[in-house]
N, C-alpha and C. Protein backbone atom coordinates (compact mmCIF):
# COMPACT_ATOMS: atom_id res chain seq x y z
N MET A 1 31.01 49.69 -22.41
CA MET A 1 29.98 48.65 -22.20
C MET A 1 29.81 48.41 -20.92
N ASP A 2 28.64 47.86 -20.12
CA ASP A 2 28.49 47.73 -19.02
C ASP A 2 28.36 46.42 -18.68
N ARG A 3 29.16 45.38 -18.40
CA ARG A 3 28.93 44.27 -18.69
C ARG A 3 27.92 43.64 -17.70
N LYS A 4 27.68 44.08 -16.96
CA LYS A 4 26.53 43.96 -15.71
C LYS A 4 25.16 43.81 -16.38
N LYS A 5 24.83 44.70 -17.25
CA LYS A 5 24.06 44.42 -18.25
C LYS A 5 23.74 43.53 -19.25
N SER A 6 24.96 43.02 -19.82
CA SER A 6 24.77 42.13 -20.41
C SER A 6 24.79 40.48 -19.75
N VAL A 7 25.27 40.73 -19.02
CA VAL A 7 24.71 39.05 -18.32
C VAL A 7 23.24 38.66 -17.78
N LYS A 8 22.44 38.10 -18.28
CA LYS A 8 21.46 37.77 -18.28
C LYS A 8 21.28 37.10 -16.56
N LYS A 9 19.98 37.84 -15.55
CA LYS A 9 19.85 37.74 -14.91
C LYS A 9 19.30 36.50 -14.68
N GLN A 10 20.08 35.02 -13.98
CA GLN A 10 19.56 33.90 -13.85
C GLN A 10 19.10 33.56 -12.65
N LYS A 11 17.78 32.77 -13.00
CA LYS A 11 16.73 32.31 -12.18
C LYS A 11 17.32 31.96 -10.74
N GLN A 12 16.64 32.57 -9.71
CA GLN A 12 17.21 32.37 -8.61
C GLN A 12 16.28 31.18 -8.46
N PHE A 13 17.00 29.80 -7.00
CA PHE A 13 16.38 28.84 -6.62
C PHE A 13 15.50 29.08 -5.92
N ASP A 14 14.18 28.76 -6.23
CA ASP A 14 13.36 28.66 -5.04
C ASP A 14 12.70 27.28 -4.85
N PHE A 15 13.50 27.34 -3.40
CA PHE A 15 13.26 25.80 -2.03
C PHE A 15 12.16 26.05 -2.12
N HIS A 16 11.29 26.46 -1.63
CA HIS A 16 9.69 27.00 -1.75
C HIS A 16 9.11 26.13 -2.32
N ASP A 17 9.23 26.35 -4.05
CA ASP A 17 8.17 25.77 -4.67
C ASP A 17 8.94 24.13 -4.89
N LEU A 18 9.95 23.99 -4.61
CA LEU A 18 10.69 22.45 -5.00
C LEU A 18 9.97 21.77 -4.13
N ILE A 19 9.89 22.06 -2.76
CA ILE A 19 9.24 21.60 -1.56
C ILE A 19 7.74 21.42 -1.98
N TYR A 20 6.89 22.29 -2.47
CA TYR A 20 5.72 22.01 -2.90
C TYR A 20 5.30 20.97 -4.03
N LYS A 21 6.00 20.85 -5.00
CA LYS A 21 6.00 20.34 -5.99
C LYS A 21 6.33 18.88 -5.07
N PHE A 22 7.53 17.98 -4.56
CA PHE A 22 7.72 17.40 -4.22
C PHE A 22 6.26 16.65 -3.20
N ALA A 23 6.00 17.74 -2.39
CA ALA A 23 4.39 17.39 -1.56
C ALA A 23 3.89 16.57 -2.04
N VAL A 24 3.73 17.87 -3.44
CA VAL A 24 1.86 17.49 -4.41
C VAL A 24 2.71 16.00 -5.12
N GLN A 25 3.28 15.81 -5.69
CA GLN A 25 3.71 14.54 -5.99
C GLN A 25 3.92 13.16 -4.99
N PHE A 26 4.13 13.85 -4.29
CA PHE A 26 4.36 12.25 -2.93
C PHE A 26 3.00 12.57 -2.07
N GLU A 27 1.72 13.14 -2.27
CA GLU A 27 0.66 13.23 -1.66
C GLU A 27 -0.17 11.92 -2.92
N LYS A 28 0.23 12.26 -4.31
CA LYS A 28 -0.62 11.27 -5.64
C LYS A 28 0.07 10.06 -5.07
N LEU A 29 1.27 9.91 -4.80
CA LEU A 29 1.72 8.38 -4.53
C LEU A 29 1.22 7.84 -3.56
N HIS A 30 0.76 8.55 -2.76
CA HIS A 30 0.20 8.25 -1.49
C HIS A 30 -1.18 7.67 -1.60
N THR A 31 -2.22 8.66 -2.15
CA THR A 31 -3.35 8.51 -1.89
C THR A 31 -3.97 7.50 -3.01
N THR A 32 -2.89 7.25 -3.92
CA THR A 32 -3.20 6.03 -4.99
C THR A 32 -2.82 4.40 -4.45
N THR A 33 -1.82 4.61 -3.51
CA THR A 33 -1.23 2.85 -3.96
C THR A 33 -2.08 2.54 -2.44
N MET A 34 -2.07 1.15 -2.07
CA MET A 34 -2.68 0.34 -1.41
C MET A 34 -1.99 -0.38 -0.59
N ALA A 35 -1.81 -0.27 0.44
CA ALA A 35 -1.23 -1.13 1.18
C ALA A 35 -1.21 -2.93 1.07
N LYS A 36 -0.52 -3.29 0.73
CA LYS A 36 -0.47 -4.88 1.17
C LYS A 36 -0.76 -5.66 2.42
N VAL A 37 -1.59 -5.59 3.13
CA VAL A 37 -1.91 -5.89 4.56
C VAL A 37 -2.95 -6.33 4.35
N CYS A 38 -3.51 -8.04 4.83
CA CYS A 38 -4.91 -8.47 5.05
C CYS A 38 -5.34 -8.01 5.80
N GLU A 39 -6.84 -7.55 5.69
CA GLU A 39 -7.53 -6.93 7.22
C GLU A 39 -7.63 -7.77 8.13
N ILE A 40 -7.49 -9.18 8.17
CA ILE A 40 -7.90 -10.20 8.80
C ILE A 40 -6.97 -10.61 9.75
N THR A 41 -6.41 -10.75 8.94
CA THR A 41 -4.75 -11.44 9.25
C THR A 41 -3.76 -10.78 9.97
N GLY A 42 -3.07 -9.75 9.44
CA GLY A 42 -2.45 -8.92 8.88
C GLY A 42 -1.95 -8.95 8.55
N LYS A 43 -1.51 -10.44 7.65
CA LYS A 43 -0.48 -10.06 7.14
C LYS A 43 0.21 -8.94 5.72
N ARG A 44 1.27 -9.25 5.86
CA ARG A 44 2.05 -8.05 5.05
C ARG A 44 3.63 -8.57 4.73
N PRO A 45 3.82 -7.97 3.47
CA PRO A 45 4.95 -8.22 2.65
C PRO A 45 6.31 -8.56 3.40
N HIS A 46 7.30 -9.61 3.02
CA HIS A 46 8.53 -10.00 3.86
C HIS A 46 9.16 -9.25 2.81
N VAL A 47 10.68 -9.56 3.38
CA VAL A 47 12.07 -9.33 2.35
C VAL A 47 12.50 -10.31 2.00
N GLY A 48 13.45 -10.75 1.62
CA GLY A 48 13.96 -11.86 1.06
C GLY A 48 14.78 -11.24 -0.08
N ASN A 49 15.58 -12.74 -0.26
CA ASN A 49 16.58 -12.50 -1.64
C ASN A 49 16.31 -13.31 -2.85
N ASN A 50 16.47 -12.83 -3.89
CA ASN A 50 16.72 -13.84 -5.55
C ASN A 50 18.08 -14.23 -4.66
N VAL A 51 17.91 -15.45 -5.07
CA VAL A 51 19.85 -16.09 -5.15
C VAL A 51 19.71 -16.25 -7.06
N SER A 52 20.87 -16.56 -7.28
CA SER A 52 21.37 -16.42 -8.77
C SER A 52 22.06 -18.29 -8.50
N HIS A 53 22.40 -18.40 -9.72
CA HIS A 53 23.24 -19.77 -9.42
C HIS A 53 24.31 -19.64 -9.24
N ALA A 54 24.87 -18.28 -9.48
CA ALA A 54 26.38 -18.21 -8.81
C ALA A 54 26.12 -17.47 -7.56
N ASN A 55 25.06 -17.53 -6.78
CA ASN A 55 25.05 -17.42 -5.40
C ASN A 55 25.00 -15.77 -5.32
N ASN A 56 24.20 -14.92 -5.76
CA ASN A 56 24.38 -13.48 -6.06
C ASN A 56 23.30 -13.24 -4.81
N LYS A 57 22.91 -12.48 -4.37
CA LYS A 57 21.62 -12.06 -3.44
C LYS A 57 21.56 -10.92 -3.58
N THR A 58 20.33 -10.58 -4.41
CA THR A 58 19.55 -9.10 -4.63
C THR A 58 18.53 -9.11 -3.93
N LYS A 59 17.85 -8.27 -3.30
CA LYS A 59 16.34 -8.12 -2.35
C LYS A 59 15.76 -8.44 -3.24
N ARG A 60 14.55 -9.02 -2.77
CA ARG A 60 13.12 -9.00 -3.06
C ARG A 60 12.14 -9.02 -2.59
N ARG A 61 10.93 -8.50 -2.66
CA ARG A 61 9.36 -8.72 -1.54
C ARG A 61 8.94 -10.33 -2.01
N PHE A 62 8.52 -10.68 -0.86
CA PHE A 62 7.30 -11.99 -1.23
C PHE A 62 5.77 -10.93 -0.12
N LEU A 63 5.58 -10.96 -1.50
CA LEU A 63 4.10 -10.57 -1.01
C LEU A 63 2.60 -11.71 -0.66
N PRO A 64 1.99 -11.17 0.26
CA PRO A 64 1.13 -12.19 0.31
C PRO A 64 0.18 -12.50 -0.20
N ASN A 65 -0.59 -13.49 -0.53
CA ASN A 65 -1.95 -13.58 -2.31
C ASN A 65 -3.40 -13.38 -1.14
N LEU A 66 -3.35 -11.99 -1.33
CA LEU A 66 -4.49 -11.07 -1.03
C LEU A 66 -5.01 -11.14 -2.25
N GLN A 67 -6.57 -11.10 -1.66
CA GLN A 67 -7.98 -11.11 -2.80
C GLN A 67 -8.53 -10.37 -2.45
N LYS A 68 -10.00 -9.23 -3.08
CA LYS A 68 -10.68 -8.54 -3.01
C LYS A 68 -12.15 -9.35 -2.59
N LYS A 69 -12.47 -9.58 -1.57
CA LYS A 69 -13.49 -10.65 -1.58
C LYS A 69 -15.05 -9.70 -1.13
N ARG A 70 -15.96 -10.42 -1.75
CA ARG A 70 -17.56 -9.74 -0.87
C ARG A 70 -18.03 -10.83 -0.23
N PHE A 71 -17.84 -10.77 1.48
CA PHE A 71 -18.90 -11.37 2.26
C PHE A 71 -20.63 -10.68 2.17
N TYR A 72 -21.25 -12.06 2.32
CA TYR A 72 -22.57 -11.54 2.90
C TYR A 72 -22.70 -11.86 4.33
N ILE A 73 -23.36 -10.64 5.46
CA ILE A 73 -23.92 -11.13 6.70
C ILE A 73 -25.15 -10.67 7.15
N PRO A 74 -25.58 -12.34 7.03
CA PRO A 74 -26.99 -12.56 7.40
C PRO A 74 -27.40 -11.50 8.61
N GLU A 75 -26.41 -11.41 10.02
CA GLU A 75 -27.49 -10.80 11.03
C GLU A 75 -28.16 -9.27 10.86
N GLU A 76 -26.83 -8.53 9.93
CA GLU A 76 -27.02 -6.81 9.33
C GLU A 76 -27.63 -6.95 7.91
N ASP A 77 -27.40 -7.85 7.37
CA ASP A 77 -28.40 -8.36 5.73
C ASP A 77 -27.56 -7.20 5.01
N LYS A 78 -26.14 -7.27 4.95
CA LYS A 78 -25.52 -6.36 3.84
C LYS A 78 -24.50 -7.25 3.47
N TRP A 79 -23.32 -6.73 2.57
CA TRP A 79 -22.16 -7.00 1.72
C TRP A 79 -21.17 -5.97 2.62
N VAL A 80 -20.30 -7.44 2.26
CA VAL A 80 -19.00 -6.39 3.38
C VAL A 80 -17.80 -7.10 2.08
N THR A 81 -17.06 -6.12 1.63
CA THR A 81 -15.97 -6.28 0.61
C THR A 81 -15.02 -6.13 1.37
N LEU A 82 -14.08 -6.76 1.55
CA LEU A 82 -12.45 -7.15 2.47
C LEU A 82 -11.43 -7.44 1.53
N ARG A 83 -10.78 -6.80 1.85
CA ARG A 83 -9.29 -7.13 1.02
C ARG A 83 -8.20 -8.02 2.32
N VAL A 84 -8.34 -9.74 1.72
CA VAL A 84 -8.12 -10.82 2.74
C VAL A 84 -6.82 -11.54 2.50
N SER A 85 -6.18 -12.14 2.91
CA SER A 85 -5.24 -13.27 2.34
C SER A 85 -6.39 -14.90 2.15
N THR A 86 -5.70 -15.85 1.60
CA THR A 86 -6.28 -16.72 1.34
C THR A 86 -6.62 -17.50 2.19
N LYS A 87 -5.64 -17.67 3.37
CA LYS A 87 -5.90 -18.33 4.70
C LYS A 87 -6.96 -17.25 5.25
N ALA A 88 -7.11 -16.18 5.58
CA ALA A 88 -8.39 -15.39 6.13
C ALA A 88 -9.73 -15.89 4.84
N ILE A 89 -9.34 -16.23 3.77
CA ILE A 89 -10.59 -16.66 3.33
C ILE A 89 -10.98 -18.19 3.74
N LYS A 90 -10.34 -19.17 3.82
CA LYS A 90 -10.35 -20.23 4.63
C LYS A 90 -10.94 -20.47 5.67
N THR A 91 -10.33 -19.14 6.34
CA THR A 91 -10.62 -19.31 7.88
C THR A 91 -12.56 -18.57 8.11
N ILE A 92 -12.85 -17.64 7.39
CA ILE A 92 -14.03 -17.10 7.24
C ILE A 92 -15.34 -18.88 7.23
N ASN A 93 -14.65 -19.72 6.17
CA ASN A 93 -15.32 -20.53 5.68
C ASN A 93 -15.49 -21.33 6.41
N LYS A 94 -14.99 -21.42 7.37
CA LYS A 94 -14.72 -22.32 8.59
C LYS A 94 -15.40 -21.88 9.73
N LYS A 95 -14.74 -20.90 10.28
CA LYS A 95 -16.04 -20.13 11.48
C LYS A 95 -16.81 -19.48 11.40
N GLY A 96 -16.83 -18.74 9.58
CA GLY A 96 -17.85 -18.23 9.93
C GLY A 96 -17.21 -16.37 9.83
N VAL A 97 -18.31 -16.13 8.93
CA VAL A 97 -17.91 -14.46 8.85
C VAL A 97 -17.71 -13.49 9.94
N SER A 98 -19.19 -13.63 10.58
CA SER A 98 -19.51 -12.77 12.02
C SER A 98 -18.83 -12.99 13.37
N ALA A 99 -18.17 -14.04 13.02
CA ALA A 99 -17.30 -14.38 14.29
C ALA A 99 -15.67 -13.69 13.98
N VAL A 100 -15.54 -13.68 12.51
CA VAL A 100 -13.83 -13.36 12.73
C VAL A 100 -14.23 -11.81 12.82
N LEU A 101 -15.33 -11.60 12.42
CA LEU A 101 -14.89 -10.22 11.94
C LEU A 101 -15.21 -9.37 12.94
N LYS A 102 -15.86 -9.91 14.30
CA LYS A 102 -16.03 -9.74 15.84
C LYS A 102 -14.53 -10.07 16.71
N LYS A 103 -13.83 -11.00 15.84
CA LYS A 103 -12.47 -11.25 16.35
C LYS A 103 -11.04 -10.22 16.30
N ALA A 104 -11.67 -9.97 15.05
CA ALA A 104 -10.68 -8.86 14.20
C ALA A 104 -11.25 -7.36 14.31
N ASN A 105 -12.25 -7.10 15.63
CA ASN A 105 -12.67 -5.79 16.01
C ASN A 105 -12.83 -5.14 14.70
N ILE A 106 -13.84 -5.66 13.63
CA ILE A 106 -13.70 -5.24 12.12
C ILE A 106 -15.52 -4.35 12.60
N LYS A 107 -15.83 -3.17 12.49
CA LYS A 107 -16.71 -2.85 12.94
C LYS A 107 -17.69 -2.70 10.91
N PHE A 108 -18.89 -3.90 10.95
CA PHE A 108 -19.39 -4.34 10.11
C PHE A 108 -21.06 -3.22 9.94
């Protein structure tokens, strides 16, 4: 009996197929997640530590308080939806949406 015939052929490792599958998964992940960044102030997450009673430290993220808010621009007679921090909302209430958008170089 020929030993080579009795051994089943193992499937060869296809490196390109693996890379393609990884790229597809990464693209799905990348397109579905949004950055946690304020469009006006540029606030973004900070990194810090959770500190336990025993003084054990583990990494954590401090996320900005972002809200999706619609603002009316009377000069253009249209609504604009922005993802802004609560500090930016207070700034817009004080200075006006047109002035803040102009300073942040956002086209509306």
